[in-house]
Amino acid sequence: MPRIEDLQLFVCAADHGGLSAAARALDMAPAAASAALKRLETALGGRLFVRSTRSLRLTMEGERYLAYARGVLQLLEEGAASVAQASAVIGGELNLSIPSDLGRNVLLLWLDDFQARHPDVRLRIRISDRLADLYRQPVDIAIRYGEPEDSSMVALPLAPDNRRVLCAAPAYLKRHGAPRAVSDLAAHNCLRFVLGEQIHERWTFHRGKRTEQATVQGDRIGDDGDLVRRWALAGQGLAYKSTLDVADDLRRGRLVALLETHQGETAPLNLVCAHRLMLSPAVVALRTFLQERLARHAVVARPTK
């Protein structure tokens, strides 16, 4: 199969009427130009030029092949231009994996707005709290809490300062009262969540430079964040949720933030992809859009002291 650079040299030599002129036009050494022409003729099994000391003249075979060579190079240029144009347009299909609770109750509505703003974007969405295998599954990007375990992944911050918040429904607090200290959690029904393959039952809180932990118990465990939130809304126990997940519930009083003198664990939200080449204009635009929305969402959800 002829090399592209050899085809370029052949066409340029035909246009300029000489190998030296073609070498100068392509910024090649004369020896490299001569080697390219010889390589092309060897690959084709025929002479393309009749050489003299002063000029180059196309053979009959060379004249026939020139049209094909021009066509190949033109198609390659058109293809490159098409890719460049497509890469500058906010459009195309995005295969997106989003977490259960935030995805269903917040992100889906925002993604409607994003598509209204960019109508050439098509979305294919997976909702799950398990991190998709971005190498094996048809997923371009994932929105996930925490840093990816695979350090080769690219993780771009969406809400880096997000934290967990301890909360419960007013109905639960009316029946059982509110915990006043981290140690009080032992007396409460705590709604636990499966993270990866492990139950998240060791809850960490920060107060100034002091860190306190509690290993909690309860009668319910779920592997779906939306399920745990629904249990909390139904008054079934205490939940230790991402503030972004329960933002509207805190604002509307459906859930009450507890232990407000303490800070919950960090729960940064990231946009994750397998490689930076996946960061198309549509992905970059989506990240900027979500960053703006999440910043406003977090401010609204901040409990008043």
Protein backbone atom coordinates (compact mmCIF):
# COMPACT_ATOMS: atom_id res chain seq x y z
CA MET A 1 0.00 0.00 0.00
CA PRO A 2 1.55 3.34 -1.06
CA ARG A 3 2.35 5.84 1.66
CA ILE A 4 0.38 9.09 1.80
CA GLU A 5 3.56 11.19 1.84
CA ASP A 6 4.79 9.37 -1.29
CA LEU A 7 1.53 10.20 -3.09
CA GLN A 8 1.91 13.83 -2.04
CA LEU A 9 5.46 13.92 -3.43
CA PHE A 10 4.32 12.35 -6.72
CA VAL A 11 1.48 14.84 -7.25
CA CYS A 12 3.65 17.78 -6.26
CA ALA A 13 6.43 16.67 -8.63
CA ALA A 14 3.91 16.40 -11.48
CA ASP A 15 2.57 19.88 -10.71
CA HIS A 16 6.00 21.50 -10.42
CA GLY A 17 7.61 19.60 -13.28
CA GLY A 18 10.58 18.49 -11.28
CA LEU A 19 11.66 16.55 -8.22
CA SER A 20 13.83 19.33 -6.76
CA ALA A 21 11.00 21.86 -6.95
CA ALA A 22 8.61 19.38 -5.30
CA ALA A 23 11.16 18.74 -2.54
CA ARG A 24 11.42 22.48 -1.87
CA ALA A 25 7.63 22.90 -1.85
CA LEU A 26 7.20 20.04 0.63
CA ASP A 27 10.24 21.03 2.72
CA MET A 28 11.94 17.72 2.02
CA ALA A 29 15.57 16.87 1.40
CA PRO A 30 16.24 16.04 -2.29
CA ALA A 31 17.44 12.58 -1.32
CA ALA A 32 14.22 11.95 0.67
CA ALA A 33 12.13 13.07 -2.31
CA SER A 34 14.00 10.78 -4.66
CA ALA A 35 13.58 7.87 -2.22
CA ALA A 36 9.84 8.55 -1.94
CA LEU A 37 9.36 8.46 -5.69
CA LYS A 38 11.41 5.27 -6.00
CA ARG A 39 9.41 3.67 -3.17
CA LEU A 40 6.11 4.53 -4.89
CA GLU A 41 7.25 3.19 -8.25
CA THR A 42 8.42 -0.01 -6.60
CA ALA A 43 5.07 -0.43 -4.83
CA LEU A 44 3.19 0.07 -8.12
CA GLY A 45 5.59 -1.98 -10.24
CA GLY A 46 6.00 0.65 -12.95
CA ARG A 47 7.70 3.92 -13.92
CA LEU A 48 5.77 7.11 -13.27
CA PHE A 49 8.26 9.61 -14.72
CA VAL A 50 10.74 9.75 -17.52
CA ARG A 51 13.73 11.50 -16.00
CA SER A 52 16.18 13.83 -17.72
CA THR A 53 18.94 15.95 -16.24
CA ARG A 54 16.70 19.03 -16.24
CA SER A 55 13.09 17.85 -15.96
CA LEU A 56 10.62 15.13 -15.19
CA ARG A 57 7.95 13.99 -17.63
CA LEU A 58 5.01 11.74 -16.78
CA THR A 59 4.88 8.35 -18.45
CA MET A 60 1.55 7.06 -19.77
CA GLU A 61 1.22 5.03 -16.55
CA GLY A 62 2.06 8.13 -14.54
CA GLU A 63 -0.64 10.19 -16.27
CA ARG A 64 -3.27 7.52 -15.53
CA TYR A 65 -2.16 7.15 -11.90
CA LEU A 66 -2.05 10.92 -11.30
CA ALA A 67 -5.85 11.22 -11.38
CA TYR A 68 -6.21 8.47 -8.80
CA ALA A 69 -3.52 9.95 -6.57
CA ARG A 70 -5.21 13.37 -6.69
CA GLY A 71 -8.54 11.76 -5.83
CA VAL A 72 -7.11 9.92 -2.82
CA LEU A 73 -5.46 13.05 -1.44
CA GLN A 74 -8.62 15.10 -1.99
CA LEU A 75 -10.73 12.53 -0.13
CA LEU A 76 -8.27 12.57 2.77
CA GLU A 77 -8.41 16.37 2.93
CA GLU A 78 -12.22 16.32 2.87
CA GLY A 79 -12.26 13.70 5.61
CA ALA A 80 -9.91 15.71 7.81
CA ALA A 81 -12.00 18.84 7.25
CA SER A 82 -15.15 16.92 8.15
CA VAL A 83 -13.64 15.66 11.41
CA ALA A 84 -12.36 19.15 12.28
CA GLN A 85 -15.77 20.66 11.60
CA ALA A 86 -17.58 17.98 13.63
CA SER A 87 -15.19 18.39 16.55
CA ALA A 88 -16.04 22.10 16.73
CA VAL A 89 -19.81 21.54 16.84
CA ILE A 90 -21.71 20.95 20.07
CA GLY A 91 -23.64 17.93 18.91
CA GLY A 92 -23.59 14.19 18.42
CA GLU A 93 -24.51 11.36 20.76
CA LEU A 94 -23.37 11.31 24.39
CA ASN A 95 -23.52 8.01 26.24
CA LEU A 96 -23.82 9.15 29.84
CA SER A 97 -23.89 7.25 33.15
CA ILE A 98 -25.38 9.14 36.11
CA PRO A 99 -25.99 8.26 39.78
CA SER A 100 -29.42 7.09 40.85
CA ASP A 101 -30.66 9.74 43.28
CA LEU A 102 -29.09 12.89 41.87
CA GLY A 103 -29.66 11.57 38.37
CA ARG A 104 -33.37 10.85 38.65
CA ASN A 105 -34.38 13.82 40.79
CA VAL A 106 -32.07 16.60 39.61
CA LEU A 107 -29.89 15.85 36.59
CA LEU A 108 -32.60 14.52 34.27
CA LEU A 109 -34.46 17.84 34.39
CA TRP A 110 -31.25 19.76 33.86
CA LEU A 111 -30.30 17.55 30.92
CA ASP A 112 -33.62 18.48 29.30
CA ASP A 113 -32.57 22.12 29.56
CA PHE A 114 -29.12 21.30 28.17
CA GLN A 115 -30.62 19.60 25.11
CA ALA A 116 -33.00 22.52 24.60
CA ARG A 117 -29.95 24.78 24.54
CA HIS A 118 -28.03 22.39 22.24
CA PRO A 119 -30.61 20.60 20.06
CA ASP A 120 -27.97 18.69 18.07
CA VAL A 121 -26.97 16.72 21.18
CA ARG A 122 -28.48 13.26 21.56
CA LEU A 123 -28.32 11.59 24.97
CA ARG A 124 -28.19 7.91 25.87
CA ILE A 125 -28.43 7.61 29.65
CA ARG A 126 -27.70 4.83 32.13
CA ILE A 127 -28.84 5.38 35.73
CA SER A 128 -26.91 3.41 38.32
CA ASP A 129 -24.84 3.94 41.45
CA ARG A 130 -22.22 1.52 40.17
CA LEU A 131 -19.38 3.07 38.19
CA ALA A 132 -19.67 1.94 34.60
CA ASP A 133 -16.71 0.22 32.96
CA LEU A 134 -15.75 3.00 30.58
CA TYR A 135 -13.46 0.65 28.64
CA ARG A 136 -15.92 -2.18 28.02
CA GLN A 137 -19.39 -0.62 28.20
CA PRO A 138 -20.78 1.85 25.63
CA VAL A 139 -20.39 4.82 28.00
CA ASP A 140 -18.51 7.99 27.07
CA ILE A 141 -18.62 9.79 30.41
CA ALA A 142 -19.87 9.10 33.92
CA ILE A 143 -20.94 11.49 36.67
CA ARG A 144 -19.90 10.03 39.99
CA TYR A 145 -19.21 10.92 43.60
CA GLY A 146 -15.62 10.49 44.76
CA GLU A 147 -12.41 9.89 42.86
CA PRO A 148 -12.28 6.88 40.49
CA GLU A 149 -10.34 3.89 41.79
CA ASP A 150 -8.57 3.61 38.44
CA SER A 151 -5.95 6.38 38.43
CA SER A 152 -5.74 6.27 34.63
CA MET A 153 -9.25 7.72 34.42
CA VAL A 154 -9.74 11.45 33.86
CA ALA A 155 -11.84 13.01 36.66
CA LEU A 156 -12.94 16.62 36.16
CA PRO A 157 -14.54 18.39 39.17
CA LEU A 158 -18.20 19.36 38.99
CA ALA A 159 -18.86 20.07 42.69
CA PRO A 160 -15.54 19.55 44.50
CA ASP A 161 -16.69 21.01 47.84
CA ASN A 162 -19.82 18.90 48.22
CA ARG A 163 -20.23 17.00 51.52
CA ARG A 164 -22.57 14.52 53.12
CA VAL A 165 -25.22 15.74 55.51
CA LEU A 166 -26.97 13.83 58.30
CA CYS A 167 -30.72 14.30 57.93
CA ALA A 168 -34.12 12.87 58.79
CA ALA A 169 -37.79 13.58 58.18
CA PRO A 170 -39.74 15.63 60.76
CA ALA A 171 -41.97 12.58 61.39
CA TYR A 172 -38.99 10.47 62.45
CA LEU A 173 -37.62 13.23 64.69
CA LYS A 174 -41.04 13.65 66.32
CA ARG A 175 -41.05 9.98 67.28
CA HIS A 176 -37.39 9.51 68.21
CA GLY A 177 -35.88 12.93 68.78
CA ALA A 178 -32.76 14.36 67.15
CA PRO A 179 -29.20 13.23 67.92
CA ARG A 180 -27.18 15.89 69.76
CA ALA A 181 -23.79 14.23 69.35
CA VAL A 182 -22.17 11.70 67.04
CA SER A 183 -22.28 9.14 69.84
CA ASP A 184 -26.09 9.44 69.88
CA LEU A 185 -26.29 7.72 66.48
CA ALA A 186 -26.00 4.35 68.24
CA ALA A 187 -29.55 4.86 69.53
CA HIS A 188 -31.07 5.60 66.11
CA ASN A 189 -32.17 3.61 63.09
CA CYS A 190 -29.61 4.54 60.42
CA LEU A 191 -30.36 3.95 56.77
CA ARG A 192 -27.24 2.41 55.27
CA PHE A 193 -26.04 2.39 51.70
CA VAL A 194 -23.87 -0.05 49.77
CA LEU A 195 -20.86 1.68 48.18
CA GLY A 196 -19.22 -0.61 45.66
CA GLU A 197 -19.27 -3.97 47.43
CA GLN A 198 -19.19 -2.62 51.00
CA ILE A 199 -21.85 -1.28 53.33
CA HIS A 200 -21.20 2.36 54.19
CA GLU A 201 -21.80 2.07 57.92
CA ARG A 202 -18.84 3.96 59.35
CA TRP A 203 -19.96 7.59 59.26
CA THR A 204 -17.34 10.31 59.72
CA PHE A 205 -17.89 13.87 60.94
CA HIS A 206 -15.55 16.82 61.41
CA ARG A 207 -15.73 19.57 63.98
CA GLY A 208 -12.86 21.99 63.58
CA LYS A 209 -9.70 19.88 63.65
CA ARG A 210 -11.46 17.05 65.46
CA THR A 211 -12.74 13.97 63.62
CA GLU A 212 -15.46 11.74 65.06
CA GLN A 213 -16.71 8.44 63.70
CA ALA A 214 -19.65 6.20 64.44
CA THR A 215 -20.34 2.66 63.24
CA VAL A 216 -24.09 2.77 62.72
CA GLN A 217 -26.81 0.13 62.67
CA GLY A 218 -30.31 -0.02 61.25
CA ASP A 219 -32.98 -2.24 59.79
CA ARG A 220 -32.52 -1.24 56.12
CA ILE A 221 -29.67 -1.38 53.62
CA GLY A 222 -29.95 -0.30 49.99
CA ASP A 223 -27.63 -0.22 46.97
CA ASP A 224 -29.61 2.60 45.35
CA GLY A 225 -29.22 6.17 46.58
CA ASP A 226 -32.74 7.14 45.56
CA LEU A 227 -34.14 4.26 47.63
CA VAL A 228 -32.29 5.42 50.77
CA ARG A 229 -33.58 8.95 50.27
CA ARG A 230 -37.16 7.69 49.90
CA TRP A 231 -36.83 5.73 53.15
CA ALA A 232 -35.65 8.89 54.88
CA LEU A 233 -38.57 10.93 53.47
CA ALA A 234 -40.95 8.26 54.73
CA GLY A 235 -39.62 8.73 58.27
CA GLN A 236 -37.88 5.35 58.46
CA GLY A 237 -34.58 6.58 59.91
CA LEU A 238 -31.53 8.82 59.65
CA ALA A 239 -29.77 9.18 56.30
CA TYR A 240 -26.22 10.31 55.62
CA LYS A 241 -26.63 11.71 52.12
CA SER A 242 -24.82 13.90 49.66
CA THR A 243 -26.04 17.45 50.21
CA LEU A 244 -26.67 17.71 46.46
CA ASP A 245 -29.06 14.73 46.63
CA VAL A 246 -31.25 16.22 49.36
CA ALA A 247 -30.94 19.92 48.47
CA ASP A 248 -34.61 20.46 47.62
CA ASP A 249 -35.77 18.31 50.55
CA LEU A 250 -33.76 20.44 53.00
CA ARG A 251 -35.00 23.67 51.47
CA ARG A 252 -38.64 22.60 51.55
CA GLY A 253 -38.47 21.09 55.04
CA ARG A 254 -39.17 17.54 53.94
CA LEU A 255 -35.86 16.63 55.58
CA VAL A 256 -34.06 18.36 58.45
CA ALA A 257 -30.26 18.72 58.66
CA LEU A 258 -28.84 17.35 61.93
CA LEU A 259 -25.58 17.84 63.87
CA GLU A 260 -25.12 21.18 62.15
CA THR A 261 -22.09 22.01 64.29
CA HIS A 262 -20.30 19.18 62.46
CA GLN A 263 -19.22 18.85 58.85
CA GLY A 264 -19.98 15.66 57.00
CA GLU A 265 -17.61 13.63 54.87
CA THR A 266 -16.47 15.10 51.59
CA ALA A 267 -18.39 13.80 48.59
CA PRO A 268 -16.93 15.56 45.53
CA LEU A 269 -18.88 15.12 42.32
CA ASN A 270 -16.80 14.51 39.21
CA LEU A 271 -17.22 14.01 35.51
CA VAL A 272 -15.22 10.88 34.66
CA CYS A 273 -14.00 9.66 31.27
CA ALA A 274 -11.43 7.15 30.06
CA HIS A 275 -9.24 9.62 28.17
CA ARG A 276 -8.99 13.35 27.50
CA LEU A 277 -9.72 12.63 23.84
CA MET A 278 -13.30 11.98 25.02
CA LEU A 279 -13.63 15.64 25.99
CA SER A 280 -15.53 16.73 22.88
CA PRO A 281 -17.08 20.21 22.66
CA ALA A 282 -20.38 18.67 23.78
CA VAL A 283 -18.77 17.15 26.89
CA VAL A 284 -16.97 20.41 27.72
CA ALA A 285 -20.22 22.36 27.30
CA LEU A 286 -22.08 19.86 29.50
CA ARG A 287 -19.46 20.15 32.23
CA THR A 288 -19.66 23.96 32.25
CA PHE A 289 -23.47 23.80 32.28
CA LEU A 290 -23.56 21.36 35.20
CA GLN A 291 -20.95 23.27 37.19
CA GLU A 292 -23.08 26.40 37.05
CA ARG A 293 -26.28 24.58 38.00
CA LEU A 294 -24.65 22.62 40.82
CA ALA A 295 -23.09 25.74 42.34
CA ARG A 296 -26.51 27.40 42.60
CA HIS A 297 -28.10 24.18 43.81
CA ALA A 298 -25.58 23.80 46.65
CA VAL A 299 -26.08 27.38 47.83
CA VAL A 300 -29.84 26.90 48.00
CA ALA A 301 -29.38 23.72 50.01
CA ARG A 302 -27.03 25.16 52.61
CA PRO A 303 -28.76 24.89 56.01
CA THR A 304 -29.34 28.13 57.91
CA LYS A 305 -27.64 28.29 61.30
